[in-house]
Amino acid sequence: MNALRNKVSLIGRLGKDPETITFESGKSLTRFSMATHQKFKQKNGDWNEDVQWHNVNAWGPVGERMNNILSKGKKVIIEGRLIHQTYENKEGERKNRTVIEANEFMLLTPNQEADMAIEKAS
């Protein structure tokens, strides 16, 4: 029953450049934040915009490709699943956060470096 899977798709822009951490085991984790925007009309007719920030994690080759291709401000589609994490902050308080664990992505902003390489090759 695929309809009951934990799956999320987001379209947004990166809030910062991806950062990759490589662990002693050899596994790598890439992290970044992205913003999604939704415009809506209020009762008085004014338009308003809701911006939501999301933390994205990607393991292994997917994360490495993200680190090589993506950068702050780029528009991207991310697909993955929601992960709920509990952690303790420096003050000893328990905190919760939701992270998108990405398994696929597509760059929507044209990659200028790739475009320039194609132009030079022509």
Protein backbone atom coordinates (compact mmCIF):
# COMPACT_ATOMS: atom_id res chain seq x y z
CA MET A 1 0.00 0.00 0.00
CA ASN A 2 2.14 2.85 -1.27
CA ALA A 3 -0.55 5.37 -0.28
CA LEU A 4 0.39 4.93 3.38
CA ARG A 5 4.10 5.69 2.99
CA ASN A 6 5.90 8.56 4.70
CA LYS A 7 6.66 10.75 1.68
CA VAL A 8 7.10 14.51 1.28
CA SER A 9 7.81 16.74 -1.73
CA LEU A 10 8.88 20.36 -1.39
CA ILE A 11 9.67 23.10 -3.88
CA GLY A 12 11.69 25.96 -2.45
CA ARG A 13 14.97 27.84 -2.30
CA LEU A 14 18.08 27.01 -0.33
CA GLY A 15 18.69 29.29 2.63
CA LYS A 16 22.37 28.39 2.84
CA ASP A 17 24.97 26.35 1.00
CA PRO A 18 24.88 22.61 1.70
CA GLU A 19 27.43 21.31 4.22
CA THR A 20 28.73 17.74 4.08
CA ILE A 21 30.09 15.84 7.07
CA THR A 22 32.00 12.59 6.55
CA PHE A 23 32.01 10.19 9.50
CA GLU A 24 34.78 7.78 10.51
CA SER A 25 32.69 4.94 9.09
CA GLY A 26 32.95 6.57 5.65
CA LYS A 27 29.27 7.57 5.50
CA SER A 28 28.55 11.17 4.57
CA LEU A 29 25.68 13.44 5.55
CA THR A 30 24.77 16.64 3.71
CA ARG A 31 22.64 19.28 5.44
CA PHE A 32 21.01 22.55 4.42
CA SER A 33 17.92 24.66 5.04
CA MET A 34 15.32 25.58 2.47
CA ALA A 35 12.35 27.93 2.43
CA THR A 36 8.94 27.26 0.92
CA HIS A 37 6.54 30.10 0.10
CA GLN A 38 2.77 30.15 -0.11
CA LYS A 39 0.75 33.21 -1.10
CA PHE A 40 -2.82 33.60 0.08
CA LYS A 41 -5.51 36.25 0.02
CA GLN A 42 -6.81 37.59 3.32
CA LYS A 43 -10.48 38.40 3.98
CA ASN A 44 -9.79 42.11 3.37
CA GLY A 45 -8.40 41.29 -0.10
CA ASP A 46 -4.73 41.87 0.72
CA TRP A 47 -2.23 39.25 -0.35
CA ASN A 48 0.01 37.70 2.29
CA GLU A 49 2.93 35.31 2.04
CA ASP A 50 3.68 32.45 4.42
CA VAL A 51 7.34 31.35 4.49
CA GLN A 52 8.23 28.03 6.13
CA TRP A 53 11.81 26.93 6.80
CA HIS A 54 12.78 23.26 6.54
CA ASN A 55 15.92 21.38 7.54
CA VAL A 56 17.04 18.88 4.90
CA ASN A 57 19.43 15.95 5.37
CA ALA A 58 20.71 13.67 2.61
CA TRP A 59 22.97 10.64 3.07
CA GLY A 60 25.65 9.25 0.79
CA PRO A 61 25.73 9.83 -2.98
CA VAL A 62 22.52 11.90 -3.06
CA GLY A 63 23.96 14.29 -0.49
CA GLU A 64 27.30 14.45 -2.27
CA ARG A 65 25.55 15.39 -5.55
CA MET A 66 23.55 18.04 -3.68
CA ASN A 67 26.75 19.47 -2.24
CA ASN A 68 28.29 19.67 -5.72
CA ILE A 69 25.26 21.16 -7.51
CA LEU A 70 23.23 23.20 -5.03
CA SER A 71 24.01 26.54 -3.43
CA LYS A 72 22.24 29.27 -1.48
CA GLY A 73 19.30 30.77 -3.36
CA LYS A 74 18.90 27.94 -5.88
CA LYS A 75 15.33 26.70 -6.50
CA VAL A 76 14.96 22.96 -6.04
CA ILE A 77 12.44 20.12 -5.70
CA ILE A 78 13.22 17.77 -2.81
CA GLU A 79 11.58 14.38 -2.26
CA GLY A 80 12.06 12.29 0.81
CA ARG A 81 10.49 11.42 4.14
CA LEU A 82 9.83 13.18 7.43
CA ILE A 83 12.03 12.33 10.40
CA HIS A 84 11.14 13.53 13.90
CA GLN A 85 14.17 14.04 16.14
CA THR A 86 14.45 14.72 19.87
CA TYR A 87 17.61 16.32 21.22
CA GLU A 88 18.89 18.15 24.27
CA ASN A 89 20.12 21.74 23.91
CA LYS A 90 23.03 23.35 25.79
CA GLU A 91 20.70 24.32 28.65
CA GLY A 92 19.60 20.69 29.07
CA GLU A 93 16.12 21.24 27.66
CA ARG A 94 14.56 18.56 25.45
CA LYS A 95 13.69 19.88 22.00
CA ASN A 96 11.93 18.38 19.00
CA ARG A 97 12.44 19.08 15.33
CA THR A 98 11.29 17.66 12.04
CA VAL A 99 13.84 17.03 9.29
CA ILE A 100 13.28 16.08 5.66
CA GLU A 101 15.51 13.12 4.81
CA ALA A 102 15.91 13.60 1.06
CA ASN A 103 16.35 10.72 -1.35
CA GLU A 104 15.80 12.62 -4.63
CA PHE A 105 16.14 16.17 -5.88
CA MET A 106 15.93 18.24 -9.04
CA LEU A 107 17.51 21.64 -9.60
CA LEU A 108 14.99 24.14 -10.99
CA THR A 109 17.32 27.15 -11.15
CA PRO A 110 19.51 26.98 -14.25
CA ASN A 111 23.09 26.12 -13.38
CA GLN A 112 25.08 29.00 -14.91
CA GLU A 113 28.39 27.13 -14.82
CA ALA A 114 26.90 24.20 -16.76
CA ASP A 115 25.30 26.60 -19.25
CA MET A 116 28.64 28.40 -19.75
CA ALA A 117 30.42 25.08 -20.34
CA ILE A 118 27.85 24.11 -22.98
CA GLU A 119 28.24 27.51 -24.70
CA LYS A 120 32.04 27.19 -24.76
CA ALA A 121 31.82 23.67 -26.22
CA SER A 122 29.51 24.86 -29.03
